[in-house]
Amino acid sequence: AAAAALTREGGEDAFRRLFRFYRQRDASDLRGVVDFSVPGGQVFRSQLSISSVSDQDAYRAGLQPVSQWKVYGLNGYPGFIFIPNPFRPGCQRHWVKQCLKLYPQKPNVCNLDLHMAPEKTIDLWGQSKEQLRRKGSSKWEPRSLLEKLRWVTLGYHYNWDTKKYSANHHTPFPSDLAFLSEQVAAACGFRGFQAQAGILNYYHFDSSLGIHVDESELDHSRPLLSFSFGQSSIFLLGGLKREEAPTAMFMHSGDIMVMSGFSRLLYHAVPRVLPNPEGTPLPSCLDQALSSDLPVGSVIEHSSDEDWQVCAKYLQSSRINMTIRQVLAEGQKFPEEFGTNGKGQAPSEDSHRQENSRAKRHKPNTD
């Protein structure tokens, strides 16, 4: 209907017009959005490198055996891989808890660091959990610090001003997330993938992510991995130029996207976060409890009921996305100028509410 007409129209602002169409709160006609749970049309079944990941290693990362994953590609987007929720029951909870409780801790960097004294951002979880647990449905209630979180960077910390990474702004990458990323990359044919940088985005129902390309990594031969948890979203995948109209698709809790090859440097955006299509506060996959017997060497940890209550309350109106990247090729080093940029500062406005053509320029919410 309307979205299809905008797609056919093309032209200089084709991507922007579709972004604005899906951004509208009254854009209720979502028939043109690709749903990988009902493949057809431009969606096709794809194959993975099953022997590259043992069932034991998949289990240790909280994943089903690779042979059980459903995997899809999109006609016209070589290198794009979509994996609908391959996580074992209860294992998504671990990654949600890490994104809310552990990964925002120092020495990692978040948007709140730019506007608050260092001692105020040491324990966002501890300062927010009681407020979140008691939170009602009124939009007038003051927001906790966790609800003001917009992004966290891991490993090589992205410089929002220069759009570069540097050797002198690096902290250890979380070992559990590195292991998960390595298994997914290997299953997709990228053995030896090194998780060197991560950007975690925290979305609410009024959030969006502007049109951009992830091109700051020095090695584009390695894939970009994207993991989503919580509420659903519409993801727009375009072309090498903004003039190319994008394809819209749903992303649900537990879904994994891999952008590699031709699709590694395509324009993309998230115009809208959507309530769980099942009609319940949380997707049913998040209601599942974690098995009591975890394998030896598992990176998955059990969450206490108390911790999960806080996470569940947060996710009732939020979505978390982790994008993991390999910045440098094996043996590659940063050029001289890459090592002198320092930490950099992110802008002070909120880009989750603005369509923004500048690459990855997230403007944190400051109130």
Foldseek 3Di string as FASTA:
>chain_A
DVLVVLQVVFDQQSAVVNLVLVLDPPNPPPVQADEPVDDDDQKDWDAWPQVLFDCQLCLLLQFGRLVPWTWIDGPPAPQKIKTAFRGDFAQLLQVLLCVQFPQQAPPKDWQVPQPDDPVVSHGQCVQALVVLLPDDDDPPDDHGVSVLTFKIKAAQAQALPVRATAPPRGDDGDPSVQSNVQNVQSRRPRHPFGFRMKMKGKFFQLFKWAKAWNDRFPDQQGKKKKAKAFFKFWKWWAALHSSNNTRIYMDYHNMMMIQHDRRNGTIMITSGTDGHPVPDLTPPSNVGHDDPDGDPNRPGDHDDPSSVSSSSSSRSGMMMMMITHDRADVPDHDPPVRHPPPRHHAAADACRNPHDYYHPRGHGHDD
